[in-house]
Amino acid sequence: MADISKFKTPSGTIYDFKDAKARQQVLTFTNLTVNLANAVADTTYSDYPYSFKIYLTGVTQYHVPTVQLKTPSSLVSDLCESGNGYVKLYANTNSGTISIDNIVCERGGN
């Protein structure tokens, strides 16, 4: 029987799913508060001229983030992206605060 705990990508990278780091496919962060004064000008989305990063340990550009606000807000877009060590969100203001119930980052891609 084949060992399905390891797999090789077309580029030759071997992933060992018995490895603790490889098993961290889902990261969850809860009860966060963000000060929008830290948002910077961003031209990615015209309706949301600011962006801000929430720095989170273990997150990579290969994670797909889902953000759930404690209370719905028109201040923050539902569009977000991940990078090495952060999740980036977009806002239509750079003042006030938002409360985030949770951020779930699921590993996809590479």
PDB file of N, CA and C in Angstrom:
ATOM      1  N   MET A   1       0.848  -1.186   0.000  1.00  0.00           N
ATOM      2  CA  MET A   1       0.000   0.000   0.000  1.00  0.00           C
ATOM      3  C   MET A   1       0.887   1.241   0.000  1.00  0.00           C
ATOM      4  N   ALA A   2       0.530   2.232  -0.786  1.00  0.00           N
ATOM      5  CA  ALA A   2       1.316   3.464  -0.903  1.00  0.00           C
ATOM      6  C   ALA A   2       1.196   4.315   0.354  1.00  0.00           C
ATOM      7  N   ASP A   3       2.261   5.053   0.651  1.00  0.00           N
ATOM      8  CA  ASP A   3       2.257   5.970   1.794  1.00  0.00           C
ATOM      9  C   ASP A   3       1.599   7.269   1.347  1.00  0.00           C
ATOM     10  N   ILE A   4       0.354   7.494   1.771  1.00  0.00           N
ATOM     11  CA  ILE A   4      -0.369   8.688   1.335  1.00  0.00           C
ATOM     12  C   ILE A   4      -0.124   9.881   2.244  1.00  0.00           C
ATOM     13  N   SER A   5       0.785   9.753   3.217  1.00  0.00           N
ATOM     14  CA  SER A   5       1.084  10.885   4.095  1.00  0.00           C
ATOM     15  C   SER A   5       2.070  11.834   3.431  1.00  0.00           C
ATOM     16  N   LYS A   6       2.632  11.433   2.279  1.00  0.00           N
ATOM     17  CA  LYS A   6       3.565  12.290   1.547  1.00  0.00           C
ATOM     18  C   LYS A   6       3.076  12.448   0.128  1.00  0.00           C
ATOM     19  N   PHE A   7       3.329  13.637  -0.438  1.00  0.00           N
ATOM     20  CA  PHE A   7       3.031  13.775  -1.848  1.00  0.00           C
ATOM     21  C   PHE A   7       4.017  14.735  -2.476  1.00  0.00           C
ATOM     22  N   LYS A   8       4.243  14.529  -3.775  1.00  0.00           N
ATOM     23  CA  LYS A   8       5.237  15.296  -4.521  1.00  0.00           C
ATOM     24  C   LYS A   8       4.509  16.163  -5.533  1.00  0.00           C
ATOM     25  N   THR A   9       4.812  17.465  -5.520  1.00  0.00           N
ATOM     26  CA  THR A   9       4.208  18.383  -6.467  1.00  0.00           C
ATOM     27  C   THR A   9       4.908  18.252  -7.813  1.00  0.00           C
ATOM     28  N   PRO A  10       4.305  18.781  -8.881  1.00  0.00           N
ATOM     29  CA  PRO A  10       4.961  18.729 -10.189  1.00  0.00           C
ATOM     30  C   PRO A  10       6.346  19.392 -10.200  1.00  0.00           C
ATOM     31  N   SER A  11       6.563  20.364  -9.313  1.00  0.00           N
ATOM     32  CA  SER A  11       7.870  21.026  -9.261  1.00  0.00           C
ATOM     33  C   SER A  11       8.895  20.219  -8.481  1.00  0.00           C
ATOM     34  N   GLY A  12       8.452  19.117  -7.868  1.00  0.00           N
ATOM     35  CA  GLY A  12       9.372  18.251  -7.142  1.00  0.00           C
ATOM     36  C   GLY A  12       9.374  18.432  -5.636  1.00  0.00           C
ATOM     37  N   THR A  13       8.607  19.394  -5.120  1.00  0.00           N
ATOM     38  CA  THR A  13       8.538  19.602  -3.678  1.00  0.00           C
ATOM     39  C   THR A  13       7.779  18.446  -3.037  1.00  0.00           C
ATOM     40  N   ILE A  14       8.325  17.914  -1.967  1.00  0.00           N
ATOM     41  CA  ILE A  14       7.665  16.818  -1.255  1.00  0.00           C
ATOM     42  C   ILE A  14       7.080  17.347   0.045  1.00  0.00           C
ATOM     43  N   TYR A  15       5.780  17.123   0.249  1.00  0.00           N
ATOM     44  CA  TYR A  15       5.104  17.516   1.477  1.00  0.00           C
ATOM     45  C   TYR A  15       4.844  16.274   2.305  1.00  0.00           C
ATOM     46  N   ASP A  16       5.214  16.334   3.571  1.00  0.00           N
ATOM     47  CA  ASP A  16       4.990  15.229   4.494  1.00  0.00           C
ATOM     48  C   ASP A  16       3.902  15.655   5.463  1.00  0.00           C
ATOM     49  N   PHE A  17       2.712  15.106   5.322  1.00  0.00           N
ATOM     50  CA  PHE A  17       1.587  15.530   6.141  1.00  0.00           C
ATOM     51  C   PHE A  17       1.645  14.991   7.556  1.00  0.00           C
ATOM     52  N   LYS A  18       2.655  14.176   7.859  1.00  0.00           N
ATOM     53  CA  LYS A  18       2.869  13.773   9.242  1.00  0.00           C
ATOM     54  C   LYS A  18       3.609  14.877   9.987  1.00  0.00           C
ATOM     55  N   ASP A  19       4.223  15.771   9.227  1.00  0.00           N
ATOM     56  CA  ASP A  19       4.959  16.904   9.792  1.00  0.00           C
ATOM     57  C   ASP A  19       3.946  17.863  10.430  1.00  0.00           C
ATOM     58  N   ALA A  20       4.219  18.311  11.657  1.00  0.00           N
ATOM     59  CA  ALA A  20       3.284  19.191  12.385  1.00  0.00           C
ATOM     60  C   ALA A  20       2.979  20.459  11.603  1.00  0.00           C
ATOM     61  N   LYS A  21       3.976  21.052  10.961  1.00  0.00           N
ATOM     62  CA  LYS A  21       3.744  22.298  10.222  1.00  0.00           C
ATOM     63  C   LYS A  21       2.812  22.043   9.044  1.00  0.00           C
ATOM     64  N   ALA A  22       2.985  20.942   8.362  1.00  0.00           N
ATOM     65  CA  ALA A  22       2.132  20.633   7.217  1.00  0.00           C
ATOM     66  C   ALA A  22       0.689  20.407   7.647  1.00  0.00           C
ATOM     67  N   ARG A  23       0.472  19.931   8.879  1.00  0.00           N
ATOM     68  CA  ARG A  23      -0.886  19.684   9.365  1.00  0.00           C
ATOM     69  C   ARG A  23      -1.609  20.977   9.717  1.00  0.00           C
ATOM     70  N   GLN A  24      -0.898  22.094   9.815  1.00  0.00           N
ATOM     71  CA  GLN A  24      -1.542  23.364  10.154  1.00  0.00           C
ATOM     72  C   GLN A  24      -2.217  23.946   8.924  1.00  0.00           C
ATOM     73  N   GLN A  25      -3.172  23.212   8.401  1.00  0.00           N
ATOM     74  CA  GLN A  25      -3.867  23.651   7.206  1.00  0.00           C
ATOM     75  C   GLN A  25      -4.904  24.729   7.517  1.00  0.00           C
ATOM     76  N   VAL A  26      -5.399  24.776   8.753  1.00  0.00           N
ATOM     77  CA  VAL A  26      -6.393  25.768   9.145  1.00  0.00           C
ATOM     78  C   VAL A  26      -5.898  26.499  10.395  1.00  0.00           C
ATOM     79  N   LEU A  27      -5.845  27.808  10.304  1.00  0.00           N
ATOM     80  CA  LEU A  27      -5.456  28.653  11.440  1.00  0.00           C
ATOM     81  C   LEU A  27      -6.657  29.512  11.814  1.00  0.00           C
ATOM     82  N   THR A  28      -6.944  29.628  13.102  1.00  0.00           N
ATOM     83  CA  THR A  28      -8.078  30.420  13.564  1.00  0.00           C
ATOM     84  C   THR A  28      -7.604  31.443  14.587  1.00  0.00           C
ATOM     85  N   PHE A  29      -8.037  32.680  14.404  1.00  0.00           N
ATOM     86  CA  PHE A  29      -7.705  33.788  15.310  1.00  0.00           C
ATOM     87  C   PHE A  29      -9.021  34.413  15.752  1.00  0.00           C
ATOM     88  N   THR A  30      -9.173  34.659  17.049  1.00  0.00           N
ATOM     89  CA  THR A  30     -10.460  35.135  17.558  1.00  0.00           C
ATOM     90  C   THR A  30     -10.316  36.430  18.355  1.00  0.00           C
ATOM     91  N   ASN A  31     -11.438  37.135  18.468  1.00  0.00           N
ATOM     92  CA  ASN A  31     -11.584  38.327  19.301  1.00  0.00           C
ATOM     93  C   ASN A  31     -10.484  39.364  19.067  1.00  0.00           C
ATOM     94  N   LEU A  32     -10.475  39.910  17.872  1.00  0.00           N
ATOM     95  CA  LEU A  32      -9.484  40.925  17.499  1.00  0.00           C
ATOM     96  C   LEU A  32     -10.152  42.287  17.388  1.00  0.00           C
ATOM     97  N   THR A  33      -9.433  43.331  17.753  1.00  0.00           N
ATOM     98  CA  THR A  33      -9.889  44.706  17.567  1.00  0.00           C
ATOM     99  C   THR A  33      -8.857  45.428  16.723  1.00  0.00           C
ATOM    100  N   VAL A  34      -9.331  46.141  15.705  1.00  0.00           N
ATOM    101  CA  VAL A  34      -8.434  46.827  14.775  1.00  0.00           C
ATOM    102  C   VAL A  34      -8.743  48.317  14.779  1.00  0.00           C
ATOM    103  N   ASN A  35      -7.699  49.114  14.946  1.00  0.00           N
ATOM    104  CA  ASN A  35      -7.814  50.563  14.867  1.00  0.00           C
ATOM    105  C   ASN A  35      -7.627  50.967  13.407  1.00  0.00           C
ATOM    106  N   LEU A  36      -8.667  51.497  12.797  1.00  0.00           N
ATOM    107  CA  LEU A  36      -8.605  51.856  11.379  1.00  0.00           C
ATOM    108  C   LEU A  36      -7.704  53.057  11.104  1.00  0.00           C
ATOM    109  N   ALA A  37      -7.239  53.737  12.145  1.00  0.00           N
ATOM    110  CA  ALA A  37      -6.293  54.840  11.946  1.00  0.00           C
ATOM    111  C   ALA A  37      -4.989  54.333  11.326  1.00  0.00           C
ATOM    112  N   ASN A  38      -4.752  53.015  11.421  1.00  0.00           N
ATOM    113  CA  ASN A  38      -3.548  52.418  10.830  1.00  0.00           C
ATOM    114  C   ASN A  38      -3.731  52.074   9.357  1.00  0.00           C
ATOM    115  N   ALA A  39      -4.921  52.285   8.810  1.00  0.00           N
ATOM    116  CA  ALA A  39      -5.163  52.001   7.397  1.00  0.00           C
ATOM    117  C   ALA A  39      -4.411  53.009   6.530  1.00  0.00           C
ATOM    118  N   VAL A  40      -3.925  52.530   5.397  1.00  0.00           N
ATOM    119  CA  VAL A  40      -3.164  53.377   4.466  1.00  0.00           C
ATOM    120  C   VAL A  40      -3.923  53.494   3.149  1.00  0.00           C
ATOM    121  N   ALA A  41      -3.636  54.556   2.413  1.00  0.00           N
ATOM    122  CA  ALA A  41      -4.278  54.764   1.116  1.00  0.00           C
ATOM    123  C   ALA A  41      -3.963  53.591   0.192  1.00  0.00           C
ATOM    124  N   ASP A  42      -4.991  53.151  -0.547  1.00  0.00           N
ATOM    125  CA  ASP A  42      -4.840  51.991  -1.425  1.00  0.00           C
ATOM    126  C   ASP A  42      -5.793  52.182  -2.606  1.00  0.00           C
ATOM    127  N   THR A  43      -5.316  51.982  -3.817  1.00  0.00           N
ATOM    128  CA  THR A  43      -6.150  52.195  -5.004  1.00  0.00           C
ATOM    129  C   THR A  43      -6.688  50.891  -5.605  1.00  0.00           C
ATOM    130  N   THR A  44      -6.575  49.786  -4.890  1.00  0.00           N
ATOM    131  CA  THR A  44      -7.015  48.489  -5.424  1.00  0.00           C
ATOM    132  C   THR A  44      -8.517  48.484  -5.728  1.00  0.00           C
ATOM    133  N   TYR A  45      -9.338  48.970  -4.794  1.00  0.00           N
ATOM    134  CA  TYR A  45     -10.791  48.996  -4.964  1.00  0.00           C
ATOM    135  C   TYR A  45     -11.293  50.423  -4.733  1.00  0.00           C
ATOM    136  N   SER A  46     -11.978  50.981  -5.724  1.00  0.00           N
ATOM    137  CA  SER A  46     -12.394  52.384  -5.635  1.00  0.00           C
ATOM    138  C   SER A  46     -13.370  52.643  -4.491  1.00  0.00           C
ATOM    139  N   ASP A  47     -14.211  51.686  -4.144  1.00  0.00           N
ATOM    140  CA  ASP A  47     -15.168  51.877  -3.044  1.00  0.00           C
ATOM    141  C   ASP A  47     -14.510  51.786  -1.667  1.00  0.00           C
ATOM    142  N   TYR A  48     -13.302  51.254  -1.632  1.00  0.00           N
ATOM    143  CA  TYR A  48     -12.568  51.077  -0.372  1.00  0.00           C
ATOM    144  C   TYR A  48     -11.150  51.619  -0.556  1.00  0.00           C
ATOM    145  N   PRO A  49     -10.981  52.934  -0.384  1.00  0.00           N
ATOM    146  CA  PRO A  49      -9.691  53.567  -0.700  1.00  0.00           C
ATOM    147  C   PRO A  49      -8.593  53.380   0.340  1.00  0.00           C
ATOM    148  N   TYR A  50      -8.820  52.542   1.340  1.00  0.00           N
ATOM    149  CA  TYR A  50      -7.812  52.272   2.366  1.00  0.00           C
ATOM    150  C   TYR A  50      -7.654  50.764   2.548  1.00  0.00           C
ATOM    151  N   SER A  51      -6.486  50.368   3.005  1.00  0.00           N
ATOM    152  CA  SER A  51      -6.262  48.970   3.358  1.00  0.00           C
ATOM    153  C   SER A  51      -5.486  48.911   4.662  1.00  0.00           C
ATOM    154  N   PHE A  52      -5.606  47.791   5.331  1.00  0.00           N
ATOM    155  CA  PHE A  52      -4.841  47.594   6.560  1.00  0.00           C
ATOM    156  C   PHE A  52      -4.502  46.124   6.692  1.00  0.00           C
ATOM    157  N   LYS A  53      -3.390  45.858   7.359  1.00  0.00           N
ATOM    158  CA  LYS A  53      -2.947  44.490   7.567  1.00  0.00           C
ATOM    159  C   LYS A  53      -3.113  44.112   9.030  1.00  0.00           C
ATOM    160  N   ILE A  54      -3.562  42.904   9.246  1.00  0.00           N
ATOM    161  CA  ILE A  54      -3.634  42.335  10.586  1.00  0.00           C
ATOM    162  C   ILE A  54      -2.546  41.261  10.609  1.00  0.00           C
ATOM    163  N   TYR A  55      -1.544  41.450  11.451  1.00  0.00           N
ATOM    164  CA  TYR A  55      -0.404  40.541  11.491  1.00  0.00           C
ATOM    165  C   TYR A  55      -0.738  39.317  12.342  1.00  0.00           C
ATOM    166  N   LEU A  56      -0.618  38.135  11.717  1.00  0.00           N
ATOM    167  CA  LEU A  56      -1.025  36.880  12.341  1.00  0.00           C
ATOM    168  C   LEU A  56       0.042  35.816  12.103  1.00  0.00           C
ATOM    169  N   THR A  57       0.522  35.235  13.163  1.00  0.00           N
ATOM    170  CA  THR A  57       1.575  34.223  13.095  1.00  0.00           C
ATOM    171  C   THR A  57       1.120  32.985  12.334  1.00  0.00           C
ATOM    172  N   GLY A  58       1.942  32.544  11.409  1.00  0.00           N
ATOM    173  CA  GLY A  58       1.692  31.308  10.680  1.00  0.00           C
ATOM    174  C   GLY A  58       0.971  31.465   9.361  1.00  0.00           C
ATOM    175  N   VAL A  59       0.392  32.628   9.124  1.00  0.00           N
ATOM    176  CA  VAL A  59      -0.339  32.854   7.877  1.00  0.00           C
ATOM    177  C   VAL A  59       0.667  33.046   6.738  1.00  0.00           C
ATOM    178  N   THR A  60       0.357  32.472   5.578  1.00  0.00           N
ATOM    179  CA  THR A  60       1.197  32.635   4.392  1.00  0.00           C
ATOM    180  C   THR A  60       0.345  33.123   3.233  1.00  0.00           C
ATOM    181  N   GLN A  61       0.999  33.409   2.121  1.00  0.00           N
ATOM    182  CA  GLN A  61       0.263  33.829   0.931  1.00  0.00           C
ATOM    183  C   GLN A  61      -0.572  32.685   0.362  1.00  0.00           C
ATOM    184  N   TYR A  62      -0.370  31.466   0.852  1.00  0.00           N
ATOM    185  CA  TYR A  62      -1.124  30.311   0.376  1.00  0.00           C
ATOM    186  C   TYR A  62      -2.400  30.059   1.174  1.00  0.00           C
ATOM    187  N   HIS A  63      -2.639  30.849   2.217  1.00  0.00           N
ATOM    188  CA  HIS A  63      -3.867  30.708   2.993  1.00  0.00           C
ATOM    189  C   HIS A  63      -4.992  31.523   2.348  1.00  0.00           C
ATOM    190  N   VAL A  64      -6.202  31.011   2.486  1.00  0.00           N
ATOM    191  CA  VAL A  64      -7.394  31.710   2.020  1.00  0.00           C
ATOM    192  C   VAL A  64      -8.144  32.168   3.271  1.00  0.00           C
ATOM    193  N   PRO A  65      -8.165  33.493   3.529  1.00  0.00           N
ATOM    194  CA  PRO A  65      -8.792  33.976   4.765  1.00  0.00           C
ATOM    195  C   PRO A  65     -10.302  34.203   4.633  1.00  0.00           C
ATOM    196  N   THR A  66     -10.989  33.950   5.729  1.00  0.00           N
ATOM    197  CA  THR A  66     -12.399  34.302   5.875  1.00  0.00           C
ATOM    198  C   THR A  66     -12.501  35.112   7.159  1.00  0.00           C
ATOM    199  N   VAL A  67     -13.058  36.313   7.053  1.00  0.00           N
ATOM    200  CA  VAL A  67     -13.134  37.225   8.197  1.00  0.00           C
ATOM    201  C   VAL A  67     -14.586  37.409   8.598  1.00  0.00           C
ATOM    202  N   GLN A  68     -14.858  37.233   9.891  1.00  0.00           N
ATOM    203  CA  GLN A  68     -16.209  37.434  10.420  1.00  0.00           C
ATOM    204  C   GLN A  68     -16.161  38.561  11.446  1.00  0.00           C
ATOM    205  N   LEU A  69     -16.811  39.685  11.116  1.00  0.00           N
ATOM    206  CA  LEU A  69     -16.876  40.813  12.045  1.00  0.00           C
ATOM    207  C   LEU A  69     -17.862  40.508  13.156  1.00  0.00           C
ATOM    208  N   LYS A  70     -17.618  41.092  14.343  1.00  0.00           N
ATOM    209  CA  LYS A  70     -18.566  40.894  15.459  1.00  0.00           C
ATOM    210  C   LYS A  70     -19.931  41.464  15.102  1.00  0.00           C
ATOM    211  N   THR A  71     -19.937  42.640  14.485  1.00  0.00           N
ATOM    212  CA  THR A  71     -21.177  43.235  13.996  1.00  0.00           C
ATOM    213  C   THR A  71     -20.936  43.675  12.556  1.00  0.00           C
ATOM    214  N   PRO A  72     -21.892  43.439  11.679  1.00  0.00           N
ATOM    215  CA  PRO A  72     -21.699  43.839  10.288  1.00  0.00           C
ATOM    216  C   PRO A  72     -21.363  45.321  10.189  1.00  0.00           C
ATOM    217  N   SER A  73     -20.490  45.642   9.266  1.00  0.00           N
ATOM    218  CA  SER A  73     -20.059  47.030   9.123  1.00  0.00           C
ATOM    219  C   SER A  73     -19.876  47.359   7.653  1.00  0.00           C
ATOM    220  N   SER A  74     -20.353  48.526   7.262  1.00  0.00           N
ATOM    221  CA  SER A  74     -20.128  48.980   5.892  1.00  0.00           C
ATOM    222  C   SER A  74     -18.754  49.635   5.757  1.00  0.00           C
ATOM    223  N   LEU A  75     -18.021  49.719   6.869  1.00  0.00           N
ATOM    224  CA  LEU A  75     -16.690  50.339   6.836  1.00  0.00           C
ATOM    225  C   LEU A  75     -15.648  49.451   6.171  1.00  0.00           C
ATOM    226  N   VAL A  76     -15.875  48.131   6.216  1.00  0.00           N
ATOM    227  CA  VAL A  76     -14.865  47.176   5.753  1.00  0.00           C
ATOM    228  C   VAL A  76     -15.453  46.305   4.655  1.00  0.00           C
ATOM    229  N   SER A  77     -14.688  46.118   3.604  1.00  0.00           N
ATOM    230  CA  SER A  77     -15.098  45.257   2.499  1.00  0.00           C
ATOM    231  C   SER A  77     -15.056  43.794   2.919  1.00  0.00           C
ATOM    232  N   ASP A  78     -15.815  42.966   2.232  1.00  0.00           N
ATOM    233  CA  ASP A  78     -15.718  41.532   2.488  1.00  0.00           C
ATOM    234  C   ASP A  78     -14.579  40.901   1.682  1.00  0.00           C
ATOM    235  N   LEU A  79     -13.849  41.714   0.928  1.00  0.00           N
ATOM    236  CA  LEU A  79     -12.687  41.254   0.182  1.00  0.00           C
ATOM    237  C   LEU A  79     -11.460  41.295   1.080  1.00  0.00           C
ATOM    238  N   CYS A  80     -10.686  40.237   1.067  1.00  0.00           N
ATOM    239  CA  CYS A  80      -9.458  40.208   1.850  1.00  0.00           C
ATOM    240  C   CYS A  80      -8.472  39.273   1.168  1.00  0.00           C
ATOM    241  N   GLU A  81      -7.226  39.365   1.579  1.00  0.00           N
ATOM    242  CA  GLU A  81      -6.188  38.510   1.006  1.00  0.00           C
ATOM    243  C   GLU A  81      -5.147  38.229   2.076  1.00  0.00           C
ATOM    244  N   SER A  82      -4.354  37.205   1.847  1.00  0.00           N
ATOM    245  CA  SER A  82      -3.311  36.879   2.814  1.00  0.00           C
ATOM    246  C   SER A  82      -1.938  37.069   2.196  1.00  0.00           C
ATOM    247  N   GLY A  83      -0.970  37.252   3.082  1.00  0.00           N
ATOM    248  CA  GLY A  83       0.432  37.350   2.703  1.00  0.00           C
ATOM    249  C   GLY A  83       1.246  36.679   3.797  1.00  0.00           C
ATOM    250  N   ASN A  84       2.537  36.723   3.678  1.00  0.00           N
ATOM    251  CA  ASN A  84       3.376  36.083   4.696  1.00  0.00           C
ATOM    252  C   ASN A  84       3.288  36.840   6.013  1.00  0.00           C
ATOM    253  N   GLY A  85       2.517  36.284   6.960  1.00  0.00           N
ATOM    254  CA  GLY A  85       2.393  36.855   8.287  1.00  0.00           C
ATOM    255  C   GLY A  85       1.241  37.819   8.486  1.00  0.00           C
ATOM    256  N   TYR A  86       0.343  37.944   7.497  1.00  0.00           N
ATOM    257  CA  TYR A  86      -0.757  38.900   7.664  1.00  0.00           C
ATOM    258  C   TYR A  86      -1.974  38.552   6.812  1.00  0.00           C
ATOM    259  N   VAL A  87      -3.101  39.173   7.185  1.00  0.00           N
ATOM    260  CA  VAL A  87      -4.306  39.208   6.362  1.00  0.00           C
ATOM    261  C   VAL A  87      -4.569  40.670   6.084  1.00  0.00           C
ATOM    262  N   LYS A  88      -4.833  40.995   4.838  1.00  0.00           N
ATOM    263  CA  LYS A  88      -5.064  42.383   4.410  1.00  0.00           C
ATOM    264  C   LYS A  88      -6.545  42.572   4.101  1.00  0.00           C
ATOM    265  N   LEU A  89      -7.116  43.637   4.666  1.00  0.00           N
ATOM    266  CA  LEU A  89      -8.512  43.982   4.433  1.00  0.00           C
ATOM    267  C   LEU A  89      -8.586  45.392   3.866  1.00  0.00           C
ATOM    268  N   TYR A  90      -9.747  45.728   3.318  1.00  0.00           N
ATOM    269  CA  TYR A  90      -9.958  47.033   2.685  1.00  0.00           C
ATOM    270  C   TYR A  90     -11.082  47.768   3.402  1.00  0.00           C
ATOM    271  N   ALA A  91     -10.914  49.088   3.557  1.00  0.00           N
ATOM    272  CA  ALA A  91     -11.886  49.900   4.295  1.00  0.00           C
ATOM    273  C   ALA A  91     -12.213  51.177   3.519  1.00  0.00           C
ATOM    274  N   ASN A  92     -13.362  51.770   3.844  1.00  0.00           N
ATOM    275  CA  ASN A  92     -13.717  53.035   3.195  1.00  0.00           C
ATOM    276  C   ASN A  92     -13.427  54.241   4.087  1.00  0.00           C
ATOM    277  N   THR A  93     -12.747  54.004   5.207  1.00  0.00           N
ATOM    278  CA  THR A  93     -12.353  55.086   6.110  1.00  0.00           C
ATOM    279  C   THR A  93     -11.066  54.687   6.825  1.00  0.00           C
ATOM    280  N   ASN A  94     -10.378  55.693   7.335  1.00  0.00           N
ATOM    281  CA  ASN A  94      -9.203  55.401   8.163  1.00  0.00           C
ATOM    282  C   ASN A  94      -9.387  55.975   9.559  1.00  0.00           C
ATOM    283  N   SER A  95     -10.631  55.875  10.057  1.00  0.00           N
ATOM    284  CA  SER A  95     -10.902  56.279  11.437  1.00  0.00           C
ATOM    285  C   SER A  95     -11.894  55.303  12.062  1.00  0.00           C
ATOM    286  N   GLY A  96     -11.827  55.192  13.374  1.00  0.00           N
ATOM    287  CA  GLY A  96     -12.701  54.281  14.098  1.00  0.00           C
ATOM    288  C   GLY A  96     -12.031  52.942  14.355  1.00  0.00           C
ATOM    289  N   THR A  97     -12.781  52.036  14.932  1.00  0.00           N
ATOM    290  CA  THR A  97     -12.278  50.688  15.204  1.00  0.00           C
ATOM    291  C   THR A  97     -13.315  49.668  14.745  1.00  0.00           C
ATOM    292  N   ILE A  98     -12.850  48.469  14.484  1.00  0.00           N
ATOM    293  CA  ILE A  98     -13.753  47.363  14.190  1.00  0.00           C
ATOM    294  C   ILE A  98     -13.384  46.194  15.086  1.00  0.00           C
ATOM    295  N   SER A  99     -14.370  45.407  15.419  1.00  0.00           N
ATOM    296  CA  SER A  99     -14.146  44.194  16.212  1.00  0.00           C
ATOM    297  C   SER A  99     -14.366  42.990  15.310  1.00  0.00           C
ATOM    298  N   ILE A 100     -13.412  42.083  15.352  1.00  0.00           N
ATOM    299  CA  ILE A 100     -13.478  40.889  14.516  1.00  0.00           C
ATOM    300  C   ILE A 100     -13.710  39.683  15.419  1.00  0.00           C
ATOM    301  N   ASP A 101     -14.779  38.947  15.135  1.00  0.00           N
ATOM    302  CA  ASP A 101     -15.095  37.750  15.901  1.00  0.00           C
ATOM    303  C   ASP A 101     -14.057  36.674  15.638  1.00  0.00           C
ATOM    304  N   ASN A 102     -13.792  36.407  14.345  1.00  0.00           N
ATOM    305  CA  ASN A 102     -12.745  35.439  14.028  1.00  0.00           C
ATOM    306  C   ASN A 102     -12.233  35.603  12.609  1.00  0.00           C
ATOM    307  N   ILE A 103     -11.013  35.148  12.410  1.00  0.00           N
ATOM    308  CA  ILE A 103     -10.400  35.033  11.090  1.00  0.00           C
ATOM    309  C   ILE A 103      -9.976  33.586  10.966  1.00  0.00           C
ATOM    310  N   VAL A 104     -10.466  32.915   9.947  1.00  0.00           N
ATOM    311  CA  VAL A 104     -10.084  31.540   9.673  1.00  0.00           C
ATOM    312  C   VAL A 104      -9.278  31.547   8.377  1.00  0.00           C
ATOM    313  N   CYS A 105      -8.074  30.997   8.442  1.00  0.00           N
ATOM    314  CA  CYS A 105      -7.208  30.935   7.273  1.00  0.00           C
ATOM    315  C   CYS A 105      -7.002  29.468   6.906  1.00  0.00           C
ATOM    316  N   GLU A 106      -7.525  29.104   5.748  1.00  0.00           N
ATOM    317  CA  GLU A 106      -7.390  27.722   5.278  1.00  0.00           C
ATOM    318  C   GLU A 106      -6.307  27.663   4.218  1.00  0.00           C
ATOM    319  N   ARG A 107      -5.436  26.718   4.368  1.00  0.00           N
ATOM    320  CA  ARG A 107      -4.320  26.584   3.437  1.00  0.00           C
ATOM    321  C   ARG A 107      -4.825  26.003   2.118  1.00  0.00           C
ATOM    322  N   GLY A 108      -4.475  26.675   1.044  1.00  0.00           N
ATOM    323  CA  GLY A 108      -4.817  26.200  -0.283  1.00  0.00           C
ATOM    324  C   GLY A 108      -3.573  26.255  -1.142  1.00  0.00           C
ATOM    325  N   GLY A 109      -3.695  25.943  -2.377  1.00  0.00           N
ATOM    326  CA  GLY A 109      -2.582  26.080  -3.315  1.00  0.00           C
ATOM    327  C   GLY A 109      -1.342  25.338  -2.902  1.00  0.00           C
ATOM    328  N   ASN A 110      -0.227  26.027  -2.945  1.00  0.00           N
ATOM    329  CA  ASN A 110       1.105  25.441  -2.756  1.00  0.00           C
ATOM    330  C   ASN A 110       1.261  24.889  -1.386  1.00  0.00           C
TER     331      ASN A 110
END
